[in-house]
């Protein structure tokens, strides 16, 4: 399974970005997608998850500002991020959660300027 993130870039504090996660390869018919981020010198942290049945879950720090959703094709999942803060500058990663094993993308850089 291959996972490719895109949509990162430079945005001002309070701005918005929409990240994309495209999954390809031999995926299961049902799988979940998670978004994570890793800031310099910090551990990778969980942000949100989209279950195959459509349920979503968010980490408290992004709840109400970030939205995870599928596009018109199942293999593309987005993370809409609003009201971004400088401390959210990080590499954002997408994770395929299914079988036979989870797969990570290489990440996309998001930089939020103050």
C-alpha atoms as a PDB file:
ATOM      1  CA  UNK A   1       0.000   0.000   0.000  1.00  0.00           C
ATOM      2  CA  UNK A   2       1.308   3.440  -0.923  1.00  0.00           C
ATOM      3  CA  UNK A   3       0.330   6.613   0.872  1.00  0.00           C
ATOM      4  CA  UNK A   4       1.055  10.071  -0.510  1.00  0.00           C
ATOM      5  CA  UNK A   5       0.307  13.334   1.275  1.00  0.00           C
ATOM      6  CA  UNK A   6       0.084  16.709  -0.412  1.00  0.00           C
ATOM      7  CA  UNK A   7      -1.207  20.196   0.177  1.00  0.00           C
ATOM      8  CA  UNK A   8       1.260  21.460   2.718  1.00  0.00           C
ATOM      9  CA  UNK A   9       2.831  24.867   2.514  1.00  0.00           C
ATOM     10  CA  UNK A  10       3.311  28.202   4.209  1.00  0.00           C
ATOM     11  CA  UNK A  11       0.322  29.900   5.788  1.00  0.00           C
ATOM     12  CA  UNK A  12      -0.118  32.813   8.160  1.00  0.00           C
ATOM     13  CA  UNK A  13      -1.365  32.378  11.678  1.00  0.00           C
ATOM     14  CA  UNK A  14      -5.138  32.019  11.590  1.00  0.00           C
ATOM     15  CA  UNK A  15      -5.086  30.752   8.051  1.00  0.00           C
ATOM     16  CA  UNK A  16      -6.292  27.492   6.541  1.00  0.00           C
ATOM     17  CA  UNK A  17      -4.859  24.609   4.575  1.00  0.00           C
ATOM     18  CA  UNK A  18      -6.373  21.481   3.103  1.00  0.00           C
ATOM     19  CA  UNK A  19      -4.150  18.416   3.080  1.00  0.00           C
ATOM     20  CA  UNK A  20      -4.757  15.423   0.853  1.00  0.00           C
ATOM     21  CA  UNK A  21      -3.938  11.773   1.422  1.00  0.00           C
ATOM     22  CA  UNK A  22      -4.059   9.410  -1.526  1.00  0.00           C
ATOM     23  CA  UNK A  23      -3.905   5.679  -0.928  1.00  0.00           C
ATOM     24  CA  UNK A  24      -3.094   3.194  -3.653  1.00  0.00           C
ATOM     25  CA  UNK A  25      -2.059  -0.398  -4.038  1.00  0.00           C
ATOM     26  CA  UNK A  26      -3.469  -3.550  -2.543  1.00  0.00           C
ATOM     27  CA  UNK A  27      -5.683  -2.113   0.150  1.00  0.00           C
ATOM     28  CA  UNK A  28      -8.427  -3.873   1.972  1.00  0.00           C
ATOM     29  CA  UNK A  29     -11.952  -3.061   0.869  1.00  0.00           C
ATOM     30  CA  UNK A  30     -12.471  -1.458   4.273  1.00  0.00           C
ATOM     31  CA  UNK A  31      -9.806   0.599   5.972  1.00  0.00           C
ATOM     32  CA  UNK A  32      -9.344   3.615   8.159  1.00  0.00           C
ATOM     33  CA  UNK A  33      -7.163   6.693   7.701  1.00  0.00           C
ATOM     34  CA  UNK A  34      -5.342   8.624  10.379  1.00  0.00           C
ATOM     35  CA  UNK A  35      -3.589  11.984  10.326  1.00  0.00           C
ATOM     36  CA  UNK A  36      -0.600  12.764  12.514  1.00  0.00           C
ATOM     37  CA  UNK A  37       2.050  15.440  12.771  1.00  0.00           C
ATOM     38  CA  UNK A  38       5.576  15.738  14.041  1.00  0.00           C
ATOM     39  CA  UNK A  39       7.172  19.012  14.978  1.00  0.00           C
ATOM     40  CA  UNK A  40      10.966  19.369  15.150  1.00  0.00           C
ATOM     41  CA  UNK A  41      12.322  17.714  18.260  1.00  0.00           C
ATOM     42  CA  UNK A  42       8.952  16.331  19.287  1.00  0.00           C
ATOM     43  CA  UNK A  43       7.177  13.008  19.159  1.00  0.00           C
ATOM     44  CA  UNK A  44       4.729  12.259  16.386  1.00  0.00           C
ATOM     45  CA  UNK A  45       1.245  13.065  17.617  1.00  0.00           C
ATOM     46  CA  UNK A  46      -2.162  11.847  16.631  1.00  0.00           C
ATOM     47  CA  UNK A  47      -4.628  14.337  15.151  1.00  0.00           C
ATOM     48  CA  UNK A  48      -7.644  12.616  13.693  1.00  0.00           C
ATOM     49  CA  UNK A  49      -9.019   9.364  12.380  1.00  0.00           C
ATOM     50  CA  UNK A  50     -11.648   8.486   9.808  1.00  0.00           C
ATOM     51  CA  UNK A  51     -13.144   5.034  10.120  1.00  0.00           C
ATOM     52  CA  UNK A  52     -14.311   3.203   7.027  1.00  0.00           C
ATOM     53  CA  UNK A  53     -17.907   3.508   8.258  1.00  0.00           C
ATOM     54  CA  UNK A  54     -17.610   7.286   8.289  1.00  0.00           C
ATOM     55  CA  UNK A  55     -17.091   7.873  11.970  1.00  0.00           C
ATOM     56  CA  UNK A  56     -14.464  10.422  12.929  1.00  0.00           C
ATOM     57  CA  UNK A  57     -12.390  11.159  15.993  1.00  0.00           C
ATOM     58  CA  UNK A  58     -10.192  14.147  16.819  1.00  0.00           C
ATOM     59  CA  UNK A  59      -7.490  14.935  19.283  1.00  0.00           C
ATOM     60  CA  UNK A  60      -8.678  17.640  21.665  1.00  0.00           C
ATOM     61  CA  UNK A  61      -6.193  20.264  20.461  1.00  0.00           C
ATOM     62  CA  UNK A  62      -7.625  20.269  16.944  1.00  0.00           C
ATOM     63  CA  UNK A  63     -11.276  19.513  17.632  1.00  0.00           C
ATOM     64  CA  UNK A  64     -13.479  22.160  16.089  1.00  0.00           C
ATOM     65  CA  UNK A  65     -10.727  23.447  13.808  1.00  0.00           C
ATOM     66  CA  UNK A  66      -9.712  20.380  11.792  1.00  0.00           C
ATOM     67  CA  UNK A  67     -12.016  18.191   9.737  1.00  0.00           C
ATOM     68  CA  UNK A  68     -11.175  14.800   8.260  1.00  0.00           C
ATOM     69  CA  UNK A  69     -13.308  13.604   5.370  1.00  0.00           C
ATOM     70  CA  UNK A  70     -13.277  11.485   2.235  1.00  0.00           C
ATOM     71  CA  UNK A  71     -13.364  12.895  -1.244  1.00  0.00           C
ATOM     72  CA  UNK A  72     -15.544  11.660  -4.068  1.00  0.00           C
ATOM     73  CA  UNK A  73     -13.289   8.627  -4.401  1.00  0.00           C
ATOM     74  CA  UNK A  74     -12.688   6.430  -1.390  1.00  0.00           C
ATOM     75  CA  UNK A  75      -8.925   6.395  -1.764  1.00  0.00           C
ATOM     76  CA  UNK A  76      -8.541  10.128  -1.141  1.00  0.00           C
ATOM     77  CA  UNK A  77      -8.972  11.567   2.322  1.00  0.00           C
ATOM     78  CA  UNK A  78      -8.591  15.201   3.262  1.00  0.00           C
ATOM     79  CA  UNK A  79      -7.709  17.100   6.379  1.00  0.00           C
ATOM     80  CA  UNK A  80      -9.142  20.604   6.387  1.00  0.00           C
ATOM     81  CA  UNK A  81      -7.247  22.724   8.881  1.00  0.00           C
ATOM     82  CA  UNK A  82      -8.586  26.094   9.968  1.00  0.00           C
ATOM     83  CA  UNK A  83      -7.297  28.752  12.346  1.00  0.00           C
ATOM     84  CA  UNK A  84      -3.780  27.375  12.243  1.00  0.00           C
ATOM     85  CA  UNK A  85      -1.283  28.411  14.894  1.00  0.00           C
ATOM     86  CA  UNK A  86       2.487  28.877  14.626  1.00  0.00           C
ATOM     87  CA  UNK A  87       3.068  26.034  17.078  1.00  0.00           C
ATOM     88  CA  UNK A  88       1.365  23.720  14.616  1.00  0.00           C
ATOM     89  CA  UNK A  89       4.279  23.980  12.252  1.00  0.00           C
ATOM     90  CA  UNK A  90       5.207  20.371  11.581  1.00  0.00           C
ATOM     91  CA  UNK A  91       5.389  17.596   9.054  1.00  0.00           C
ATOM     92  CA  UNK A  92       1.923  16.150   8.639  1.00  0.00           C
ATOM     93  CA  UNK A  93       1.589  12.437   7.976  1.00  0.00           C
ATOM     94  CA  UNK A  94      -1.199  10.233   6.747  1.00  0.00           C
ATOM     95  CA  UNK A  95      -1.522   6.638   7.858  1.00  0.00           C
ATOM     96  CA  UNK A  96      -3.387   3.823   6.169  1.00  0.00           C
ATOM     97  CA  UNK A  97      -4.860   1.629   8.904  1.00  0.00           C
ATOM     98  CA  UNK A  98      -5.789  -1.768   7.565  1.00  0.00           C
ATOM     99  CA  UNK A  99      -4.308  -5.017   6.475  1.00  0.00           C
ATOM    100  CA  UNK A 100      -1.972  -6.661   6.090  1.00  0.00           C
ATOM    101  CA  UNK A 101      -0.272  -3.791   7.914  1.00  0.00           C
ATOM    102  CA  UNK A 102      -0.432  -0.074   8.445  1.00  0.00           C
ATOM    103  CA  UNK A 103       1.376   2.196   6.001  1.00  0.00           C
ATOM    104  CA  UNK A 104       2.703   5.720   6.411  1.00  0.00           C
ATOM    105  CA  UNK A 105       3.273   8.398   3.847  1.00  0.00           C
ATOM    106  CA  UNK A 106       6.404  10.535   3.748  1.00  0.00           C
ATOM    107  CA  UNK A 107       4.603  13.577   5.036  1.00  0.00           C
ATOM    108  CA  UNK A 108       3.957  17.110   3.889  1.00  0.00           C
ATOM    109  CA  UNK A 109       5.437  20.184   5.541  1.00  0.00           C
ATOM    110  CA  UNK A 110       3.103  22.755   7.044  1.00  0.00           C
ATOM    111  CA  UNK A 111       4.625  26.009   8.213  1.00  0.00           C
ATOM    112  CA  UNK A 112       2.517  28.552  10.052  1.00  0.00           C
ATOM    113  CA  UNK A 113       4.040  32.003  10.317  1.00  0.00           C
ATOM    114  CA  UNK A 114       3.233  34.402  13.143  1.00  0.00           C
END
